[in-house]
Amino acid sequence: MAQLCRILSSSRSVAANLTRGMASSPLTDMLGKLNHVAIATPDIEKASQFYRNLGANVSEKVAQPEHGVYTVFVTLPNSKIELLYPLGDKSPIQAFLDKNKAGGMHHICIEVKDINEAMSLVKSKGIRPLAEKPKIGAHGKPVVFLHPKDCGGVLIELEQE
């Protein structure tokens, strides 16, 4: 639980860093709520059961072949936790788990009103998207990831509302 508190605190500070010094700028007007914190896990069943034991609403495991992951969503009153587990030999989550055997925070997801406008805006601020155009994410909505080196060391996913 302490790790979860550190993750949520970190996500707030990353969002604050993205918008610091930009009182009512296009970027601050574009950013919406925190959608989820994603945690890579070496055992998705065990991680799912952990949250079920706490009384959370936990989804079934769903394959996301385009992203090379299985996902499970833990619904909380104000956000979600996304559990990630490798799918296939080229899963980016497997590479993450190879470096972090116990798993850990993989990314945070922030909602935006218009993903294409958001991509243009972050590019204009020197923040590199990891793809030229959005993909459809686990919620069936367009998403794009931002380079962690441009975001305080945190991988950020933008998801259209």
N, C-alpha and C. Protein backbone atom coordinates (compact mmCIF):
# COMPACT_ATOMS: atom_id res chain seq x y z
N MET A 1 0.82 -1.19 0.00
CA MET A 1 0.00 0.00 0.00
C MET A 1 0.87 1.26 0.00
N ALA A 2 1.99 1.21 0.72
CA ALA A 2 2.89 2.36 0.73
C ALA A 2 3.41 2.65 -0.67
N GLN A 3 3.70 1.56 -1.43
CA GLN A 3 4.18 1.75 -2.81
C GLN A 3 3.11 2.45 -3.64
N LEU A 4 1.84 2.07 -3.47
CA LEU A 4 0.75 2.70 -4.20
C LEU A 4 0.68 4.18 -3.87
N CYS A 5 0.83 4.54 -2.61
CA CYS A 5 0.80 5.95 -2.22
C CYS A 5 1.95 6.72 -2.88
N ARG A 6 3.15 6.11 -2.92
CA ARG A 6 4.27 6.77 -3.59
C ARG A 6 4.00 6.95 -5.08
N ILE A 7 3.39 5.96 -5.71
CA ILE A 7 3.08 6.03 -7.14
C ILE A 7 2.10 7.17 -7.40
N LEU A 8 1.03 7.23 -6.60
CA LEU A 8 0.02 8.28 -6.82
C LEU A 8 0.61 9.66 -6.55
N SER A 9 1.45 9.77 -5.54
CA SER A 9 2.10 11.04 -5.27
C SER A 9 3.01 11.43 -6.42
N SER A 10 3.74 10.46 -6.97
CA SER A 10 4.63 10.71 -8.10
C SER A 10 3.84 11.17 -9.31
N SER A 11 2.68 10.56 -9.57
CA SER A 11 1.89 10.94 -10.74
C SER A 11 1.40 12.37 -10.64
N ARG A 12 1.04 12.81 -9.43
CA ARG A 12 0.62 14.20 -9.26
C ARG A 12 1.78 15.14 -9.52
N SER A 13 2.98 14.79 -9.04
CA SER A 13 4.11 15.69 -9.23
C SER A 13 4.54 15.73 -10.70
N VAL A 14 4.44 14.63 -11.42
CA VAL A 14 4.78 14.64 -12.85
C VAL A 14 3.80 15.54 -13.61
N ALA A 15 2.51 15.41 -13.32
CA ALA A 15 1.53 16.27 -13.99
C ALA A 15 1.80 17.74 -13.64
N ALA A 16 2.16 18.00 -12.40
CA ALA A 16 2.47 19.37 -12.01
C ALA A 16 3.70 19.88 -12.75
N ASN A 17 4.72 19.04 -12.92
CA ASN A 17 5.92 19.45 -13.66
C ASN A 17 5.61 19.75 -15.11
N LEU A 18 4.70 18.99 -15.71
CA LEU A 18 4.35 19.25 -17.11
C LEU A 18 3.71 20.62 -17.28
N THR A 19 2.99 21.07 -16.27
CA THR A 19 2.22 22.30 -16.41
C THR A 19 2.77 23.47 -15.58
N ARG A 20 3.83 23.24 -14.82
CA ARG A 20 4.40 24.30 -13.96
C ARG A 20 4.73 25.52 -14.80
N GLY A 21 4.35 26.67 -14.28
CA GLY A 21 4.67 27.92 -14.95
C GLY A 21 3.82 28.19 -16.18
N MET A 22 2.75 27.45 -16.35
CA MET A 22 1.91 27.61 -17.54
C MET A 22 0.48 27.93 -17.13
N ALA A 23 0.30 28.96 -16.30
CA ALA A 23 -1.04 29.30 -15.86
C ALA A 23 -1.95 29.49 -17.06
N SER A 24 -2.96 28.66 -17.13
CA SER A 24 -3.95 28.67 -18.21
C SER A 24 -3.31 28.72 -19.59
N SER A 25 -2.36 27.83 -19.82
CA SER A 25 -1.78 27.69 -21.15
C SER A 25 -2.58 26.64 -21.91
N PRO A 26 -2.35 26.49 -23.22
CA PRO A 26 -3.05 25.45 -23.96
C PRO A 26 -2.84 24.06 -23.37
N LEU A 27 -1.65 23.79 -22.82
CA LEU A 27 -1.38 22.48 -22.25
C LEU A 27 -2.19 22.25 -20.98
N THR A 28 -2.26 23.24 -20.10
CA THR A 28 -3.05 23.05 -18.87
C THR A 28 -4.53 22.95 -19.20
N ASP A 29 -4.99 23.65 -20.22
CA ASP A 29 -6.39 23.55 -20.62
C ASP A 29 -6.70 22.20 -21.26
N MET A 30 -5.69 21.55 -21.82
CA MET A 30 -5.88 20.29 -22.52
C MET A 30 -5.90 19.09 -21.58
N LEU A 31 -5.08 19.13 -20.51
CA LEU A 31 -4.96 17.99 -19.62
C LEU A 31 -6.22 17.76 -18.82
N GLY A 32 -6.64 16.50 -18.77
CA GLY A 32 -7.81 16.13 -17.98
C GLY A 32 -7.38 15.39 -16.73
N LYS A 33 -8.23 14.48 -16.30
CA LYS A 33 -7.96 13.77 -15.05
C LYS A 33 -6.97 12.62 -15.25
N LEU A 34 -6.41 12.17 -14.15
CA LEU A 34 -5.58 10.98 -14.15
C LEU A 34 -6.51 9.80 -14.45
N ASN A 35 -6.24 9.08 -15.53
CA ASN A 35 -7.07 7.94 -15.89
C ASN A 35 -6.64 6.70 -15.14
N HIS A 36 -5.33 6.40 -15.18
CA HIS A 36 -4.84 5.23 -14.45
C HIS A 36 -3.34 5.30 -14.22
N VAL A 37 -2.91 4.49 -13.27
CA VAL A 37 -1.50 4.22 -13.03
C VAL A 37 -1.30 2.77 -13.45
N ALA A 38 -0.32 2.53 -14.31
CA ALA A 38 -0.07 1.17 -14.82
C ALA A 38 1.09 0.54 -14.07
N ILE A 39 0.87 -0.70 -13.65
CA ILE A 39 1.88 -1.44 -12.90
C ILE A 39 2.18 -2.74 -13.65
N ALA A 40 3.44 -2.93 -14.02
CA ALA A 40 3.87 -4.18 -14.64
C ALA A 40 4.04 -5.21 -13.52
N THR A 41 3.56 -6.43 -13.77
CA THR A 41 3.63 -7.46 -12.75
C THR A 41 4.10 -8.79 -13.35
N PRO A 42 4.94 -9.52 -12.61
CA PRO A 42 5.37 -10.82 -13.10
C PRO A 42 4.32 -11.91 -12.89
N ASP A 43 3.27 -11.61 -12.12
CA ASP A 43 2.20 -12.58 -11.84
C ASP A 43 0.87 -11.84 -11.78
N ILE A 44 0.20 -11.76 -12.92
CA ILE A 44 -1.04 -10.97 -13.01
C ILE A 44 -2.17 -11.57 -12.18
N GLU A 45 -2.18 -12.89 -12.04
CA GLU A 45 -3.23 -13.52 -11.22
C GLU A 45 -3.05 -13.15 -9.75
N LYS A 46 -1.82 -13.22 -9.27
CA LYS A 46 -1.53 -12.88 -7.87
C LYS A 46 -1.83 -11.40 -7.62
N ALA A 47 -1.42 -10.53 -8.55
CA ALA A 47 -1.66 -9.10 -8.39
C ALA A 47 -3.16 -8.80 -8.41
N SER A 48 -3.90 -9.46 -9.29
CA SER A 48 -5.35 -9.28 -9.36
C SER A 48 -6.00 -9.69 -8.04
N GLN A 49 -5.57 -10.83 -7.51
CA GLN A 49 -6.13 -11.34 -6.27
C GLN A 49 -5.83 -10.40 -5.10
N PHE A 50 -4.66 -9.79 -5.11
CA PHE A 50 -4.31 -8.83 -4.06
C PHE A 50 -5.37 -7.72 -3.98
N TYR A 51 -5.73 -7.14 -5.13
CA TYR A 51 -6.70 -6.05 -5.14
C TYR A 51 -8.12 -6.56 -4.85
N ARG A 52 -8.45 -7.77 -5.32
CA ARG A 52 -9.75 -8.36 -4.97
C ARG A 52 -9.87 -8.53 -3.45
N ASN A 53 -8.78 -8.98 -2.82
CA ASN A 53 -8.79 -9.18 -1.37
C ASN A 53 -8.99 -7.88 -0.61
N LEU A 54 -8.62 -6.76 -1.23
CA LEU A 54 -8.84 -5.45 -0.62
C LEU A 54 -10.27 -4.94 -0.88
N GLY A 55 -11.04 -5.71 -1.67
CA GLY A 55 -12.42 -5.33 -1.94
C GLY A 55 -12.62 -4.51 -3.20
N ALA A 56 -11.59 -4.41 -4.03
CA ALA A 56 -11.70 -3.61 -5.26
C ALA A 56 -12.43 -4.38 -6.35
N ASN A 57 -13.01 -3.63 -7.27
CA ASN A 57 -13.63 -4.19 -8.46
C ASN A 57 -12.50 -4.44 -9.46
N VAL A 58 -12.25 -5.72 -9.78
CA VAL A 58 -11.13 -6.11 -10.63
C VAL A 58 -11.67 -6.80 -11.88
N SER A 59 -11.25 -6.32 -13.05
CA SER A 59 -11.72 -6.88 -14.31
C SER A 59 -11.07 -8.23 -14.59
N GLU A 60 -11.54 -8.88 -15.61
CA GLU A 60 -10.89 -10.10 -16.10
C GLU A 60 -9.65 -9.70 -16.89
N LYS A 61 -8.75 -10.63 -17.10
CA LYS A 61 -7.55 -10.41 -17.90
C LYS A 61 -7.95 -10.36 -19.38
N VAL A 62 -7.47 -9.34 -20.09
CA VAL A 62 -7.80 -9.15 -21.50
C VAL A 62 -6.50 -9.02 -22.30
N ALA A 63 -6.40 -9.78 -23.38
CA ALA A 63 -5.23 -9.69 -24.27
C ALA A 63 -5.33 -8.42 -25.11
N GLN A 64 -4.21 -7.71 -25.23
CA GLN A 64 -4.10 -6.52 -26.07
C GLN A 64 -2.95 -6.78 -27.05
N PRO A 65 -3.19 -7.62 -28.09
CA PRO A 65 -2.10 -8.04 -28.98
C PRO A 65 -1.33 -6.89 -29.64
N GLU A 66 -2.03 -5.82 -29.99
CA GLU A 66 -1.36 -4.69 -30.65
C GLU A 66 -0.31 -4.04 -29.75
N HIS A 67 -0.50 -4.17 -28.44
CA HIS A 67 0.42 -3.56 -27.48
C HIS A 67 1.34 -4.60 -26.81
N GLY A 68 1.12 -5.87 -27.09
CA GLY A 68 1.96 -6.92 -26.53
C GLY A 68 1.78 -7.13 -25.04
N VAL A 69 0.54 -6.92 -24.55
CA VAL A 69 0.28 -7.06 -23.11
C VAL A 69 -1.07 -7.71 -22.85
N TYR A 70 -1.18 -8.23 -21.65
CA TYR A 70 -2.48 -8.54 -21.05
C TYR A 70 -2.75 -7.41 -20.08
N THR A 71 -4.01 -7.00 -19.96
CA THR A 71 -4.36 -5.97 -19.01
C THR A 71 -5.45 -6.45 -18.07
N VAL A 72 -5.41 -5.95 -16.86
CA VAL A 72 -6.46 -6.10 -15.86
C VAL A 72 -6.65 -4.71 -15.28
N PHE A 73 -7.89 -4.27 -15.15
CA PHE A 73 -8.15 -2.96 -14.56
C PHE A 73 -8.78 -3.10 -13.18
N VAL A 74 -8.20 -2.36 -12.25
CA VAL A 74 -8.70 -2.27 -10.89
C VAL A 74 -9.39 -0.91 -10.79
N THR A 75 -10.69 -0.92 -10.59
CA THR A 75 -11.44 0.33 -10.55
C THR A 75 -11.50 0.85 -9.11
N LEU A 76 -11.07 2.09 -8.96
CA LEU A 76 -11.09 2.79 -7.68
C LEU A 76 -12.11 3.92 -7.78
N PRO A 77 -12.51 4.51 -6.67
CA PRO A 77 -13.52 5.58 -6.75
C PRO A 77 -13.10 6.77 -7.61
N ASN A 78 -11.80 7.09 -7.67
CA ASN A 78 -11.37 8.29 -8.39
C ASN A 78 -10.44 8.02 -9.57
N SER A 79 -10.10 6.76 -9.82
CA SER A 79 -9.18 6.44 -10.91
C SER A 79 -9.14 4.92 -11.08
N LYS A 80 -8.12 4.44 -11.79
CA LYS A 80 -7.94 3.01 -12.00
C LYS A 80 -6.46 2.66 -11.86
N ILE A 81 -6.23 1.40 -11.59
CA ILE A 81 -4.89 0.83 -11.68
C ILE A 81 -4.96 -0.17 -12.82
N GLU A 82 -3.99 -0.10 -13.72
CA GLU A 82 -3.90 -1.04 -14.82
C GLU A 82 -2.75 -1.99 -14.53
N LEU A 83 -3.07 -3.28 -14.41
CA LEU A 83 -2.03 -4.29 -14.24
C LEU A 83 -1.62 -4.78 -15.62
N LEU A 84 -0.32 -4.85 -15.87
CA LEU A 84 0.22 -5.24 -17.17
C LEU A 84 1.05 -6.51 -17.03
N TYR A 85 0.86 -7.42 -17.98
CA TYR A 85 1.60 -8.67 -18.02
C TYR A 85 1.98 -8.94 -19.47
N PRO A 86 3.17 -9.47 -19.73
CA PRO A 86 3.63 -9.67 -21.12
C PRO A 86 2.75 -10.60 -21.94
N LEU A 87 2.59 -10.25 -23.20
CA LEU A 87 1.90 -11.09 -24.20
C LEU A 87 2.82 -11.18 -25.41
N GLY A 88 3.34 -12.34 -25.68
CA GLY A 88 4.22 -12.54 -26.83
C GLY A 88 5.67 -12.28 -26.53
N ASP A 89 6.51 -12.71 -27.46
CA ASP A 89 7.96 -12.63 -27.30
C ASP A 89 8.51 -11.20 -27.33
N LYS A 90 7.83 -10.30 -27.99
CA LYS A 90 8.35 -8.94 -28.16
C LYS A 90 7.63 -7.92 -27.26
N SER A 91 7.03 -8.40 -26.19
CA SER A 91 6.30 -7.52 -25.29
C SER A 91 7.22 -6.50 -24.63
N PRO A 92 6.86 -5.21 -24.68
CA PRO A 92 7.66 -4.22 -23.97
C PRO A 92 7.61 -4.44 -22.46
N ILE A 93 6.57 -5.09 -21.99
CA ILE A 93 6.46 -5.36 -20.55
C ILE A 93 7.47 -6.42 -20.13
N GLN A 94 7.75 -7.38 -21.00
CA GLN A 94 8.77 -8.37 -20.66
C GLN A 94 10.13 -7.70 -20.49
N ALA A 95 10.44 -6.77 -21.38
CA ALA A 95 11.71 -6.04 -21.26
C ALA A 95 11.77 -5.27 -19.94
N PHE A 96 10.64 -4.67 -19.56
CA PHE A 96 10.56 -3.94 -18.29
C PHE A 96 10.78 -4.91 -17.12
N LEU A 97 10.11 -6.08 -17.17
CA LEU A 97 10.23 -7.05 -16.08
C LEU A 97 11.62 -7.68 -16.02
N ASP A 98 12.30 -7.77 -17.15
CA ASP A 98 13.67 -8.28 -17.14
C ASP A 98 14.58 -7.37 -16.31
N LYS A 99 14.28 -6.07 -16.32
CA LYS A 99 15.06 -5.11 -15.54
C LYS A 99 14.52 -4.94 -14.12
N ASN A 100 13.23 -5.23 -13.93
CA ASN A 100 12.55 -5.03 -12.65
C ASN A 100 11.82 -6.32 -12.29
N LYS A 101 12.54 -7.27 -11.74
CA LYS A 101 12.02 -8.63 -11.53
C LYS A 101 10.71 -8.67 -10.73
N ALA A 102 10.56 -7.78 -9.76
CA ALA A 102 9.35 -7.77 -8.93
C ALA A 102 8.22 -6.96 -9.55
N GLY A 103 8.48 -6.33 -10.70
CA GLY A 103 7.49 -5.45 -11.32
C GLY A 103 7.62 -4.04 -10.78
N GLY A 104 6.64 -3.22 -11.09
CA GLY A 104 6.64 -1.84 -10.59
C GLY A 104 5.86 -0.93 -11.51
N MET A 105 5.87 0.36 -11.15
CA MET A 105 5.12 1.33 -11.94
C MET A 105 5.70 1.41 -13.35
N HIS A 106 4.85 1.28 -14.34
CA HIS A 106 5.28 1.34 -15.73
C HIS A 106 4.99 2.71 -16.35
N HIS A 107 3.76 3.21 -16.16
CA HIS A 107 3.41 4.53 -16.71
C HIS A 107 2.19 5.09 -15.99
N ILE A 108 1.95 6.38 -16.24
CA ILE A 108 0.70 6.99 -15.81
C ILE A 108 -0.05 7.44 -17.06
N CYS A 109 -1.36 7.47 -16.96
CA CYS A 109 -2.20 7.86 -18.09
C CYS A 109 -3.04 9.07 -17.70
N ILE A 110 -2.94 10.11 -18.53
CA ILE A 110 -3.70 11.35 -18.32
C ILE A 110 -4.64 11.54 -19.50
N GLU A 111 -5.87 11.87 -19.21
CA GLU A 111 -6.85 12.10 -20.27
C GLU A 111 -6.64 13.47 -20.92
N VAL A 112 -6.91 13.52 -22.23
CA VAL A 112 -6.89 14.78 -22.98
C VAL A 112 -8.16 14.86 -23.82
N LYS A 113 -8.55 16.07 -24.15
CA LYS A 113 -9.78 16.26 -24.93
C LYS A 113 -9.62 15.81 -26.37
N ASP A 114 -8.48 16.15 -26.98
CA ASP A 114 -8.24 15.85 -28.38
C ASP A 114 -6.81 15.34 -28.53
N ILE A 115 -6.65 14.07 -28.83
CA ILE A 115 -5.32 13.44 -28.86
C ILE A 115 -4.42 14.05 -29.94
N ASN A 116 -4.97 14.39 -31.10
CA ASN A 116 -4.15 14.97 -32.17
C ASN A 116 -3.67 16.37 -31.80
N GLU A 117 -4.56 17.15 -31.20
CA GLU A 117 -4.17 18.48 -30.73
C GLU A 117 -3.12 18.36 -29.63
N ALA A 118 -3.31 17.39 -28.75
CA ALA A 118 -2.36 17.18 -27.66
C ALA A 118 -0.98 16.81 -28.22
N MET A 119 -0.95 15.95 -29.23
CA MET A 119 0.33 15.56 -29.83
C MET A 119 1.03 16.77 -30.43
N SER A 120 0.30 17.60 -31.14
CA SER A 120 0.89 18.81 -31.73
C SER A 120 1.44 19.73 -30.65
N LEU A 121 0.68 19.88 -29.60
CA LEU A 121 1.07 20.79 -28.53
C LEU A 121 2.31 20.29 -27.79
N VAL A 122 2.36 19.00 -27.44
CA VAL A 122 3.54 18.51 -26.73
C VAL A 122 4.78 18.57 -27.62
N LYS A 123 4.61 18.28 -28.91
CA LYS A 123 5.75 18.40 -29.83
C LYS A 123 6.28 19.83 -29.86
N SER A 124 5.36 20.80 -29.85
CA SER A 124 5.78 22.21 -29.90
C SER A 124 6.52 22.61 -28.63
N LYS A 125 6.37 21.85 -27.57
CA LYS A 125 7.05 22.12 -26.30
C LYS A 125 8.29 21.25 -26.12
N GLY A 126 8.68 20.53 -27.19
CA GLY A 126 9.89 19.72 -27.14
C GLY A 126 9.70 18.37 -26.46
N ILE A 127 8.48 17.94 -26.29
CA ILE A 127 8.19 16.64 -25.69
C ILE A 127 7.93 15.66 -26.83
N ARG A 128 8.69 14.57 -26.86
CA ARG A 128 8.61 13.62 -27.97
C ARG A 128 7.58 12.52 -27.74
N PRO A 129 6.59 12.42 -28.64
CA PRO A 129 5.72 11.24 -28.61
C PRO A 129 6.52 10.02 -29.09
N LEU A 130 6.16 8.84 -28.61
CA LEU A 130 6.87 7.63 -29.01
C LEU A 130 6.32 7.02 -30.30
N ALA A 131 5.31 7.65 -30.88
CA ALA A 131 4.75 7.20 -32.16
C ALA A 131 4.32 8.43 -32.94
N GLU A 132 4.27 8.27 -34.26
CA GLU A 132 3.87 9.38 -35.12
C GLU A 132 2.37 9.66 -35.07
N LYS A 133 1.59 8.60 -34.82
CA LYS A 133 0.15 8.79 -34.70
C LYS A 133 -0.38 7.89 -33.59
N PRO A 134 -1.53 8.25 -33.04
CA PRO A 134 -2.10 7.48 -31.94
C PRO A 134 -2.50 6.06 -32.35
N LYS A 135 -2.50 5.17 -31.36
CA LYS A 135 -3.02 3.81 -31.51
C LYS A 135 -4.28 3.71 -30.66
N ILE A 136 -5.05 2.68 -30.89
CA ILE A 136 -6.20 2.44 -30.04
C ILE A 136 -5.71 1.68 -28.80
N GLY A 137 -6.05 2.21 -27.63
CA GLY A 137 -5.60 1.63 -26.37
C GLY A 137 -6.58 0.63 -25.79
N ALA A 138 -6.32 0.21 -24.57
CA ALA A 138 -7.10 -0.82 -23.89
C ALA A 138 -8.55 -0.41 -23.65
N HIS A 139 -8.82 0.88 -23.60
CA HIS A 139 -10.20 1.36 -23.40
C HIS A 139 -10.93 1.61 -24.72
N GLY A 140 -10.27 1.26 -25.85
CA GLY A 140 -10.89 1.49 -27.15
C GLY A 140 -10.81 2.93 -27.61
N LYS A 141 -9.93 3.71 -26.99
CA LYS A 141 -9.78 5.12 -27.32
C LYS A 141 -8.36 5.38 -27.82
N PRO A 142 -8.15 6.44 -28.62
CA PRO A 142 -6.81 6.75 -29.10
C PRO A 142 -5.86 7.13 -27.96
N VAL A 143 -4.63 6.59 -28.03
CA VAL A 143 -3.60 6.87 -27.03
C VAL A 143 -2.27 7.12 -27.70
N VAL A 144 -1.40 7.82 -27.00
CA VAL A 144 -0.02 7.99 -27.41
C VAL A 144 0.82 8.09 -26.15
N PHE A 145 2.04 7.53 -26.22
CA PHE A 145 2.97 7.60 -25.10
C PHE A 145 4.00 8.70 -25.37
N LEU A 146 4.45 9.34 -24.27
CA LEU A 146 5.44 10.40 -24.36
C LEU A 146 6.77 9.90 -23.79
N HIS A 147 7.86 10.33 -24.40
CA HIS A 147 9.18 9.86 -24.01
C HIS A 147 9.47 10.21 -22.55
N PRO A 148 9.86 9.21 -21.75
CA PRO A 148 10.12 9.48 -20.33
C PRO A 148 11.26 10.48 -20.10
N LYS A 149 12.22 10.55 -21.01
CA LYS A 149 13.32 11.50 -20.83
C LYS A 149 12.84 12.94 -20.92
N ASP A 150 11.68 13.15 -21.54
CA ASP A 150 11.11 14.49 -21.65
C ASP A 150 10.06 14.77 -20.57
N CYS A 151 9.80 13.77 -19.72
CA CYS A 151 8.70 13.87 -18.75
C CYS A 151 9.17 13.50 -17.34
N GLY A 152 10.32 13.99 -16.96
CA GLY A 152 10.81 13.76 -15.61
C GLY A 152 11.10 12.31 -15.29
N GLY A 153 11.41 11.51 -16.31
CA GLY A 153 11.74 10.11 -16.09
C GLY A 153 10.54 9.18 -16.02
N VAL A 154 9.35 9.70 -16.28
CA VAL A 154 8.12 8.90 -16.20
C VAL A 154 7.54 8.74 -17.59
N LEU A 155 7.20 7.50 -17.95
CA LEU A 155 6.48 7.23 -19.19
C LEU A 155 5.05 7.70 -19.00
N ILE A 156 4.60 8.59 -19.87
CA ILE A 156 3.24 9.14 -19.76
C ILE A 156 2.44 8.73 -21.00
N GLU A 157 1.26 8.23 -20.74
CA GLU A 157 0.30 7.90 -21.79
C GLU A 157 -0.77 8.98 -21.79
N LEU A 158 -1.06 9.53 -22.97
CA LEU A 158 -2.19 10.44 -23.12
C LEU A 158 -3.31 9.64 -23.78
N GLU A 159 -4.50 9.76 -23.24
CA GLU A 159 -5.66 9.04 -23.76
C GLU A 159 -6.78 10.04 -24.03
N GLN A 160 -7.35 9.97 -25.21
CA GLN A 160 -8.46 10.86 -25.52
C GLN A 160 -9.66 10.51 -24.66
N GLU A 161 -10.32 11.55 -24.12
CA GLU A 161 -11.48 11.36 -23.25
C GLU A 161 -12.58 10.60 -23.97
